[in-house]
PDB file of all heavy atoms in Angstrom:
ATOM      1  N   TYR A   1       0.800  -1.142   0.037  1.00  0.00           N
ATOM      2  CA  TYR A   1       0.043  -0.069  -0.032  1.00  0.00           C
ATOM      3  C   TYR A   1       0.775   1.281  -0.020  1.00  0.00           C
ATOM      4  O   TYR A   1       0.384   2.361   0.465  1.00  0.00           O
ATOM      5  CB  TYR A   1      -0.968  -0.031   1.323  1.00  0.00           C
ATOM      6  CG  TYR A   1      -1.907  -1.090   1.219  1.00  0.00           C
ATOM      7  CD1 TYR A   1      -1.848  -2.092   2.059  1.00  0.00           C
ATOM      8  CD2 TYR A   1      -2.969  -1.204   0.190  1.00  0.00           C
ATOM      9  CE1 TYR A   1      -2.688  -3.267   2.080  1.00  0.00           C
ATOM     10  CE2 TYR A   1      -3.794  -2.285   0.167  1.00  0.00           C
ATOM     11  CZ  TYR A   1      -3.701  -3.303   1.133  1.00  0.00           C
ATOM     12  OH  TYR A   1      -4.582  -4.337   0.990  1.00  0.00           O
ATOM     13  N   ARG A   2       2.065   1.341  -0.595  1.00  0.00           N
ATOM     14  CA  ARG A   2       2.910   2.351  -0.525  1.00  0.00           C
ATOM     15  C   ARG A   2       2.377   3.600  -1.275  1.00  0.00           C
ATOM     16  O   ARG A   2       2.616   4.771  -0.912  1.00  0.00           O
ATOM     17  CB  ARG A   2       4.291   1.982  -1.117  1.00  0.00           C
ATOM     18  CG  ARG A   2       4.321   1.576  -2.652  1.00  0.00           C
ATOM     19  CD  ARG A   2       5.672   1.095  -2.985  1.00  0.00           C
ATOM     20  NE  ARG A   2       5.795   0.770  -4.393  1.00  0.00           N
ATOM     21  CZ  ARG A   2       5.509  -0.549  -4.747  1.00  0.00           C
ATOM     22  NH1 ARG A   2       4.982  -1.404  -3.862  1.00  0.00           N
ATOM     23  NH2 ARG A   2       5.504  -0.836  -6.065  1.00  0.00           N
ATOM     24  N   VAL A   3       1.556   3.334  -2.247  1.00  0.00           N
ATOM     25  CA  VAL A   3       1.041   4.444  -3.003  1.00  0.00           C
ATOM     26  C   VAL A   3       0.002   5.203  -2.057  1.00  0.00           C
ATOM     27  O   VAL A   3      -0.209   6.314  -2.094  1.00  0.00           O
ATOM     28  CB  VAL A   3       0.175   4.108  -4.356  1.00  0.00           C
ATOM     29  CG1 VAL A   3      -0.577   5.164  -4.853  1.00  0.00           C
ATOM     30  CG2 VAL A   3       1.271   3.597  -5.216  1.00  0.00           C
ATOM     31  N   LEU A   4      -0.864   4.433  -1.315  1.00  0.00           N
ATOM     32  CA  LEU A   4      -1.775   4.899  -0.423  1.00  0.00           C
ATOM     33  C   LEU A   4      -1.182   5.707   0.690  1.00  0.00           C
ATOM     34  O   LEU A   4      -1.467   6.801   1.155  1.00  0.00           O
ATOM     35  CB  LEU A   4      -2.720   3.824   0.152  1.00  0.00           C
ATOM     36  CG  LEU A   4      -3.776   3.279  -0.764  1.00  0.00           C
ATOM     37  CD1 LEU A   4      -4.638   2.198  -0.098  1.00  0.00           C
ATOM     38  CD2 LEU A   4      -4.741   4.252  -1.409  1.00  0.00           C
ATOM     39  N   TYR A   5      -0.013   5.141   1.288  1.00  0.00           N
ATOM     40  CA  TYR A   5       0.734   5.747   2.308  1.00  0.00           C
ATOM     41  C   TYR A   5       1.240   6.992   1.788  1.00  0.00           C
ATOM     42  O   TYR A   5       1.185   8.057   2.401  1.00  0.00           O
ATOM     43  CB  TYR A   5       1.889   4.825   2.819  1.00  0.00           C
ATOM     44  CG  TYR A   5       1.493   3.990   3.830  1.00  0.00           C
ATOM     45  CD1 TYR A   5       1.406   2.624   3.572  1.00  0.00           C
ATOM     46  CD2 TYR A   5       1.285   4.299   5.087  1.00  0.00           C
ATOM     47  CE1 TYR A   5       0.924   1.666   4.547  1.00  0.00           C
ATOM     48  CE2 TYR A   5       0.930   3.420   6.179  1.00  0.00           C
ATOM     49  CZ  TYR A   5       0.648   2.144   5.891  1.00  0.00           C
ATOM     50  OH  TYR A   5       0.436   1.167   6.846  1.00  0.00           O
ATOM     51  N   LEU A   6       1.863   7.121   0.562  1.00  0.00           N
ATOM     52  CA  LEU A   6       2.323   8.385  -0.027  1.00  0.00           C
ATOM     53  C   LEU A   6       1.216   9.377  -0.102  1.00  0.00           C
ATOM     54  O   LEU A   6       1.382  10.527   0.218  1.00  0.00           O
ATOM     55  CB  LEU A   6       2.997   8.019  -1.296  1.00  0.00           C
ATOM     56  CG  LEU A   6       3.579   9.260  -2.012  1.00  0.00           C
ATOM     57  CD1 LEU A   6       4.826   9.660  -1.208  1.00  0.00           C
ATOM     58  CD2 LEU A   6       4.048   8.777  -3.356  1.00  0.00           C
ATOM     59  N   LEU A   7       0.055   9.065  -0.689  1.00  0.00           N
ATOM     60  CA  LEU A   7      -1.124   9.929  -0.744  1.00  0.00           C
ATOM     61  C   LEU A   7      -1.572  10.508   0.531  1.00  0.00           C
ATOM     62  O   LEU A   7      -1.726  11.692   0.697  1.00  0.00           O
ATOM     63  CB  LEU A   7      -2.261   9.064  -1.488  1.00  0.00           C
ATOM     64  CG  LEU A   7      -3.589   9.925  -1.575  1.00  0.00           C
ATOM     65  CD1 LEU A   7      -3.398  10.976  -2.834  1.00  0.00           C
ATOM     66  CD2 LEU A   7      -4.717   8.921  -1.977  1.00  0.00           C
ATOM     67  N   VAL A   8      -1.766   9.616   1.576  1.00  0.00           N
ATOM     68  CA  VAL A   8      -2.200  10.049   2.851  1.00  0.00           C
ATOM     69  C   VAL A   8      -1.056  11.049   3.611  1.00  0.00           C
ATOM     70  O   VAL A   8      -1.458  12.090   4.040  1.00  0.00           O
ATOM     71  CB  VAL A   8      -2.412   8.820   3.815  1.00  0.00           C
ATOM     72  CG1 VAL A   8      -2.561   9.214   5.256  1.00  0.00           C
ATOM     73  CG2 VAL A   8      -3.577   8.124   3.394  1.00  0.00           C
ATOM     74  N   ILE A   9       0.179  10.732   3.404  1.00  0.00           N
ATOM     75  CA  ILE A   9       1.192  11.572   3.940  1.00  0.00           C
ATOM     76  C   ILE A   9       1.280  12.890   3.319  1.00  0.00           C
ATOM     77  O   ILE A   9       1.472  13.937   3.897  1.00  0.00           O
ATOM     78  CB  ILE A   9       2.548  10.805   4.035  1.00  0.00           C
ATOM     79  CG1 ILE A   9       2.614   9.686   4.928  1.00  0.00           C
ATOM     80  CG2 ILE A   9       3.811  11.702   4.208  1.00  0.00           C
ATOM     81  CD1 ILE A   9       3.815   8.739   4.755  1.00  0.00           C
ATOM     82  N   ILE A  10       1.104  12.839   2.014  1.00  0.00           N
ATOM     83  CA  ILE A  10       1.193  14.093   1.141  1.00  0.00           C
ATOM     84  C   ILE A  10      -0.055  15.047   1.556  1.00  0.00           C
ATOM     85  O   ILE A  10       0.237  16.250   1.927  1.00  0.00           O
ATOM     86  CB  ILE A  10       1.058  13.850  -0.307  1.00  0.00           C
ATOM     87  CG1 ILE A  10       2.469  13.382  -0.798  1.00  0.00           C
ATOM     88  CG2 ILE A  10       0.635  15.144  -0.997  1.00  0.00           C
ATOM     89  CD1 ILE A  10       2.466  12.806  -2.345  1.00  0.00           C
ATOM     90  N   PHE A  11      -1.160  14.522   1.681  1.00  0.00           N
ATOM     91  CA  PHE A  11      -2.395  15.395   2.166  1.00  0.00           C
ATOM     92  C   PHE A  11      -2.107  15.750   3.666  1.00  0.00           C
ATOM     93  O   PHE A  11      -2.659  16.868   3.989  1.00  0.00           O
ATOM     94  CB  PHE A  11      -3.677  14.593   2.016  1.00  0.00           C
ATOM     95  CG  PHE A  11      -4.234  14.780   0.712  1.00  0.00           C
ATOM     96  CD1 PHE A  11      -3.927  13.921  -0.380  1.00  0.00           C
ATOM     97  CD2 PHE A  11      -5.009  15.764   0.409  1.00  0.00           C
ATOM     98  CE1 PHE A  11      -4.395  14.018  -1.763  1.00  0.00           C
ATOM     99  CE2 PHE A  11      -5.542  15.982  -0.921  1.00  0.00           C
ATOM    100  CZ  PHE A  11      -5.223  15.204  -1.866  1.00  0.00           C
ATOM    101  N   PHE A  12      -1.647  14.927   4.419  1.00  0.00           N
ATOM    102  CA  PHE A  12      -1.379  15.342   5.895  1.00  0.00           C
ATOM    103  C   PHE A  12      -0.296  16.510   5.803  1.00  0.00           C
ATOM    104  O   PHE A  12      -0.546  17.556   6.537  1.00  0.00           O
ATOM    105  CB  PHE A  12      -0.769  14.207   6.663  1.00  0.00           C
ATOM    106  CG  PHE A  12      -0.588  14.585   8.129  1.00  0.00           C
ATOM    107  CD1 PHE A  12      -1.672  14.672   9.038  1.00  0.00           C
ATOM    108  CD2 PHE A  12       0.760  14.791   8.622  1.00  0.00           C
ATOM    109  CE1 PHE A  12      -1.478  14.967  10.320  1.00  0.00           C
ATOM    110  CE2 PHE A  12       0.952  15.008   9.893  1.00  0.00           C
ATOM    111  CZ  PHE A  12      -0.203  15.216  10.800  1.00  0.00           C
ATOM    112  N   LEU A  13       0.703  16.450   5.129  1.00  0.00           N
ATOM    113  CA  LEU A  13       1.681  17.609   5.036  1.00  0.00           C
ATOM    114  C   LEU A  13       1.148  18.760   4.448  1.00  0.00           C
ATOM    115  O   LEU A  13       1.460  19.772   4.879  1.00  0.00           O
ATOM    116  CB  LEU A  13       3.005  17.035   4.255  1.00  0.00           C
ATOM    117  CG  LEU A  13       3.847  15.943   4.922  1.00  0.00           C
ATOM    118  CD1 LEU A  13       4.965  15.503   4.067  1.00  0.00           C
ATOM    119  CD2 LEU A  13       4.323  16.363   6.298  1.00  0.00           C
ATOM    120  N   LEU A  14       0.260  18.644   3.497  1.00  0.00           N
ATOM    121  CA  LEU A  14      -0.386  19.849   2.893  1.00  0.00           C
ATOM    122  C   LEU A  14      -1.259  20.471   3.928  1.00  0.00           C
ATOM    123  O   LEU A  14      -1.252  21.664   3.892  1.00  0.00           O
ATOM    124  CB  LEU A  14      -1.263  19.425   1.649  1.00  0.00           C
ATOM    125  CG  LEU A  14      -0.390  18.965   0.394  1.00  0.00           C
ATOM    126  CD1 LEU A  14      -1.401  18.479  -0.713  1.00  0.00           C
ATOM    127  CD2 LEU A  14       0.298  20.196  -0.229  1.00  0.00           C
ATOM    128  N   GLY A  15      -1.933  19.614   4.607  1.00  0.00           N
ATOM    129  CA  GLY A  15      -2.694  20.195   5.797  1.00  0.00           C
ATOM    130  C   GLY A  15      -1.876  20.945   6.877  1.00  0.00           C
ATOM    131  O   GLY A  15      -2.213  22.216   7.234  1.00  0.00           O
ATOM    132  N   ILE A  16      -0.681  20.405   7.239  1.00  0.00           N
ATOM    133  CA  ILE A  16       0.192  21.177   8.070  1.00  0.00           C
ATOM    134  C   ILE A  16       0.577  22.529   7.412  1.00  0.00           C
ATOM    135  O   ILE A  16       0.661  23.522   8.186  1.00  0.00           O
ATOM    136  CB  ILE A  16       1.393  20.172   8.452  1.00  0.00           C
ATOM    137  CG1 ILE A  16       0.906  19.105   9.252  1.00  0.00           C
ATOM    138  CG2 ILE A  16       2.458  21.074   9.043  1.00  0.00           C
ATOM    139  CD1 ILE A  16       2.104  18.158   9.646  1.00  0.00           C
ATOM    140  N   ILE A  17       1.074  22.483   6.131  1.00  0.00           N
ATOM    141  CA  ILE A  17       1.534  23.776   5.474  1.00  0.00           C
ATOM    142  C   ILE A  17       0.339  24.728   5.473  1.00  0.00           C
ATOM    143  O   ILE A  17       0.571  25.926   5.834  1.00  0.00           O
ATOM    144  CB  ILE A  17       2.025  23.354   4.147  1.00  0.00           C
ATOM    145  CG1 ILE A  17       3.255  22.505   4.244  1.00  0.00           C
ATOM    146  CG2 ILE A  17       2.302  24.656   3.389  1.00  0.00           C
ATOM    147  CD1 ILE A  17       3.772  21.877   2.821  1.00  0.00           C
ATOM    148  N   ALA A  18      -0.815  24.331   5.015  1.00  0.00           N
ATOM    149  CA  ALA A  18      -1.964  25.210   4.943  1.00  0.00           C
ATOM    150  C   ALA A  18      -2.292  25.819   6.348  1.00  0.00           C
ATOM    151  O   ALA A  18      -2.513  26.859   6.399  1.00  0.00           O
ATOM    152  CB  ALA A  18      -3.239  24.561   4.357  1.00  0.00           C
ATOM    153  N   GLY A  19      -2.243  25.057   7.313  1.00  0.00           N
ATOM    154  CA  GLY A  19      -2.605  25.429   8.722  1.00  0.00           C
ATOM    155  C   GLY A  19      -1.571  26.441   9.208  1.00  0.00           C
ATOM    156  O   GLY A  19      -1.884  27.530   9.807  1.00  0.00           O
ATOM    157  N   THR A  20      -0.226  26.233   9.004  1.00  0.00           N
ATOM    158  CA  THR A  20       0.724  27.107   9.379  1.00  0.00           C
ATOM    159  C   THR A  20       0.651  28.453   8.629  1.00  0.00           C
ATOM    160  O   THR A  20       0.857  29.516   9.250  1.00  0.00           O
ATOM    161  CB  THR A  20       2.093  26.379   9.170  1.00  0.00           C
ATOM    162  OG1 THR A  20       2.192  25.081   9.857  1.00  0.00           O
ATOM    163  CG2 THR A  20       3.265  27.275   9.645  1.00  0.00           C
ATOM    164  N   VAL A  21       0.480  28.348   7.324  1.00  0.00           N
ATOM    165  CA  VAL A  21       0.403  29.517   6.521  1.00  0.00           C
ATOM    166  C   VAL A  21      -0.874  30.351   6.885  1.00  0.00           C
ATOM    167  O   VAL A  21      -0.823  31.582   6.876  1.00  0.00           O
ATOM    168  CB  VAL A  21       0.343  29.190   5.020  1.00  0.00           C
ATOM    169  CG1 VAL A  21       0.111  30.444   4.099  1.00  0.00           C
ATOM    170  CG2 VAL A  21       1.764  28.628   4.688  1.00  0.00           C
ATOM    171  N   SER A  22      -2.032  29.752   7.159  1.00  0.00           N
ATOM    172  CA  SER A  22      -3.163  30.435   7.562  1.00  0.00           C
ATOM    173  C   SER A  22      -3.191  31.322   8.666  1.00  0.00           C
ATOM    174  O   SER A  22      -3.807  32.352   8.679  1.00  0.00           O
ATOM    175  CB  SER A  22      -4.402  29.460   7.560  1.00  0.00           C
ATOM    176  OG  SER A  22      -4.141  28.680   8.758  1.00  0.00           O
ATOM    177  N   VAL A  23      -2.260  31.036   9.616  1.00  0.00           N
ATOM    178  CA  VAL A  23      -2.072  31.721  10.708  1.00  0.00           C
ATOM    179  C   VAL A  23      -1.615  33.319  10.402  1.00  0.00           C
ATOM    180  O   VAL A  23      -2.117  34.304  10.990  1.00  0.00           O
ATOM    181  CB  VAL A  23      -1.006  31.116  11.647  1.00  0.00           C
ATOM    182  CG1 VAL A  23      -0.662  32.126  12.940  1.00  0.00           C
ATOM    183  CG2 VAL A  23      -1.471  29.891  12.238  1.00  0.00           C
ATOM    184  N   HIS A  24      -0.816  33.269   9.314  1.00  0.00           N
ATOM    185  CA  HIS A  24      -0.417  34.708   8.974  1.00  0.00           C
ATOM    186  C   HIS A  24      -1.443  35.595   8.122  1.00  0.00           C
ATOM    187  O   HIS A  24      -1.225  36.607   7.910  1.00  0.00           O
ATOM    188  CB  HIS A  24       0.805  34.537   8.103  1.00  0.00           C
ATOM    189  CG  HIS A  24       1.970  33.812   8.795  1.00  0.00           C
ATOM    190  ND1 HIS A  24       2.795  34.518   9.743  1.00  0.00           N
ATOM    191  CD2 HIS A  24       2.462  32.535   8.780  1.00  0.00           C
ATOM    192  CE1 HIS A  24       3.619  33.632  10.266  1.00  0.00           C
ATOM    193  NE2 HIS A  24       3.513  32.564   9.612  1.00  0.00           N
ATOM    194  N   PHE A  25      -2.485  34.880   7.841  1.00  0.00           N
ATOM    195  CA  PHE A  25      -3.601  35.552   7.247  1.00  0.00           C
ATOM    196  C   PHE A  25      -4.758  35.960   7.994  1.00  0.00           C
ATOM    197  O   PHE A  25      -5.927  36.423   7.613  1.00  0.00           O
ATOM    198  CB  PHE A  25      -4.209  34.813   6.005  1.00  0.00           C
ATOM    199  CG  PHE A  25      -3.008  34.705   4.914  1.00  0.00           C
ATOM    200  CD1 PHE A  25      -2.237  33.569   4.814  1.00  0.00           C
ATOM    201  CD2 PHE A  25      -2.861  35.686   4.037  1.00  0.00           C
ATOM    202  CE1 PHE A  25      -1.265  33.369   3.750  1.00  0.00           C
ATOM    203  CE2 PHE A  25      -1.989  35.655   3.063  1.00  0.00           C
ATOM    204  CZ  PHE A  25      -1.142  34.514   2.769  1.00  0.00           C
ATOM    205  N   LEU A  26      -4.648  35.825   9.299  1.00  0.00           N
ATOM    206  CA  LEU A  26      -5.729  36.191  10.266  1.00  0.00           C
ATOM    207  C   LEU A  26      -5.842  37.709  10.414  1.00  0.00           C
ATOM    208  O   LEU A  26      -4.903  38.436  10.256  1.00  0.00           O
ATOM    209  CB  LEU A  26      -5.427  35.549  11.750  1.00  0.00           C
ATOM    210  CG  LEU A  26      -5.411  34.179  11.858  1.00  0.00           C
ATOM    211  CD1 LEU A  26      -4.882  33.733  13.228  1.00  0.00           C
ATOM    212  CD2 LEU A  26      -6.754  33.555  11.640  1.00  0.00           C
ATOM    213  N   GLU A  27      -7.085  38.088  10.498  1.00  0.00           N
ATOM    214  CA  GLU A  27      -7.346  39.581  10.845  1.00  0.00           C
ATOM    215  C   GLU A  27      -6.904  39.892  12.172  1.00  0.00           C
ATOM    216  O   GLU A  27      -6.866  38.912  13.175  1.00  0.00           O
ATOM    217  CB  GLU A  27      -8.874  39.802  10.822  1.00  0.00           C
ATOM    218  CG  GLU A  27      -9.427  39.620   9.422  1.00  0.00           C
ATOM    219  CD  GLU A  27      -8.983  40.616   8.365  1.00  0.00           C
ATOM    220  OE1 GLU A  27      -8.726  41.709   8.729  1.00  0.00           O
ATOM    221  OE2 GLU A  27      -8.873  40.117   7.255  1.00  0.00           O
ATOM    222  N   PRO A  28      -6.540  41.159  12.399  1.00  0.00           N
ATOM    223  CA  PRO A  28      -5.958  41.537  13.865  1.00  0.00           C
ATOM    224  C   PRO A  28      -6.945  41.170  15.022  1.00  0.00           C
ATOM    225  O   PRO A  28      -6.530  40.691  16.057  1.00  0.00           O
ATOM    226  CB  PRO A  28      -5.782  43.012  13.688  1.00  0.00           C
ATOM    227  CG  PRO A  28      -5.463  43.294  12.259  1.00  0.00           C
ATOM    228  CD  PRO A  28      -6.374  42.318  11.430  1.00  0.00           C
ATOM    229  N   GLU A  29      -8.351  41.255  14.672  1.00  0.00           N
ATOM    230  CA  GLU A  29      -9.235  40.901  15.662  1.00  0.00           C
ATOM    231  C   GLU A  29      -9.274  39.518  15.960  1.00  0.00           C
ATOM    232  O   GLU A  29      -9.363  38.973  17.134  1.00  0.00           O
ATOM    233  CB  GLU A  29     -10.638  41.367  15.340  1.00  0.00           C
ATOM    234  CG  GLU A  29     -10.875  42.937  15.244  1.00  0.00           C
ATOM    235  CD  GLU A  29     -12.161  43.310  14.714  1.00  0.00           C
ATOM    236  OE1 GLU A  29     -13.088  42.338  14.418  1.00  0.00           O
ATOM    237  OE2 GLU A  29     -12.491  44.465  14.543  1.00  0.00           O
ATOM    238  N   GLN A  30      -9.220  38.542  14.908  1.00  0.00           N
ATOM    239  CA  GLN A  30      -9.153  37.127  14.973  1.00  0.00           C
ATOM    240  C   GLN A  30      -7.902  36.705  15.877  1.00  0.00           C
ATOM    241  O   GLN A  30      -7.912  35.829  16.600  1.00  0.00           O
ATOM    242  CB  GLN A  30      -9.291  36.507  13.675  1.00  0.00           C
ATOM    243  CG  GLN A  30     -10.484  36.651  12.913  1.00  0.00           C
ATOM    244  CD  GLN A  30     -10.447  36.142  11.484  1.00  0.00           C
ATOM    245  OE1 GLN A  30      -9.346  36.288  10.858  1.00  0.00           O
ATOM    246  NE2 GLN A  30     -11.459  35.448  11.121  1.00  0.00           N
ATOM    247  N   ASN A  31      -6.868  37.478  15.428  1.00  0.00           N
ATOM    248  CA  ASN A  31      -5.518  37.033  16.148  1.00  0.00           C
ATOM    249  C   ASN A  31      -5.608  37.346  17.620  1.00  0.00           C
ATOM    250  O   ASN A  31      -5.121  36.616  18.451  1.00  0.00           O
ATOM    251  CB  ASN A  31      -4.460  37.835  15.454  1.00  0.00           C
ATOM    252  CG  ASN A  31      -3.122  37.331  15.525  1.00  0.00           C
ATOM    253  OD1 ASN A  31      -2.971  36.201  16.163  1.00  0.00           O
ATOM    254  ND2 ASN A  31      -2.095  37.868  15.025  1.00  0.00           N
ATOM    255  N   ALA A  32      -6.191  38.504  17.957  1.00  0.00           N
ATOM    256  CA  ALA A  32      -6.279  38.916  19.315  1.00  0.00           C
ATOM    257  C   ALA A  32      -7.215  37.871  20.138  1.00  0.00           C
ATOM    258  O   ALA A  32      -6.800  37.555  21.224  1.00  0.00           O
ATOM    259  CB  ALA A  32      -6.849  40.329  19.463  1.00  0.00           C
ATOM    260  N   ARG A  33      -8.354  37.574  19.519  1.00  0.00           N
ATOM    261  CA  ARG A  33      -9.160  36.546  20.151  1.00  0.00           C
ATOM    262  C   ARG A  33      -8.532  35.186  20.373  1.00  0.00           C
ATOM    263  O   ARG A  33      -8.631  34.571  21.493  1.00  0.00           O
ATOM    264  CB  ARG A  33     -10.465  36.386  19.441  1.00  0.00           C
ATOM    265  CG  ARG A  33     -11.485  37.540  19.683  1.00  0.00           C
ATOM    266  CD  ARG A  33     -12.834  37.128  19.193  1.00  0.00           C
ATOM    267  NE  ARG A  33     -13.027  36.612  17.705  1.00  0.00           N
ATOM    268  CZ  ARG A  33     -13.245  37.334  16.795  1.00  0.00           C
ATOM    269  NH1 ARG A  33     -13.463  38.731  16.876  1.00  0.00           N
ATOM    270  NH2 ARG A  33     -13.377  36.935  15.520  1.00  0.00           N
ATOM    271  N   LEU A  34      -7.839  34.771  19.314  1.00  0.00           N
ATOM    272  CA  LEU A  34      -7.105  33.508  19.418  1.00  0.00           C
ATOM    273  C   LEU A  34      -6.036  33.505  20.565  1.00  0.00           C
ATOM    274  O   LEU A  34      -5.770  32.594  21.172  1.00  0.00           O
ATOM    275  CB  LEU A  34      -6.647  33.058  18.056  1.00  0.00           C
ATOM    276  CG  LEU A  34      -7.657  32.395  17.044  1.00  0.00           C
ATOM    277  CD1 LEU A  34      -7.101  32.285  15.738  1.00  0.00           C
ATOM    278  CD2 LEU A  34      -8.151  31.130  17.594  1.00  0.00           C
ATOM    279  N   ALA A  35      -5.256  34.711  20.523  1.00  0.00           N
ATOM    280  CA  ALA A  35      -4.143  34.843  21.495  1.00  0.00           C
ATOM    281  C   ALA A  35      -4.708  34.685  22.896  1.00  0.00           C
ATOM    282  O   ALA A  35      -4.230  34.123  23.764  1.00  0.00           O
ATOM    283  CB  ALA A  35      -3.466  36.126  21.204  1.00  0.00           C
TER     284      ALA A  35
END
């Protein structure tokens, strides 16, 4: 199942990247509430 493992790992890593990048696009009010 190496193809499935590769697919799952790629989507997991894409999720990590998207989550990390999205922090920088928060509005100041959202950032203050989350902080």
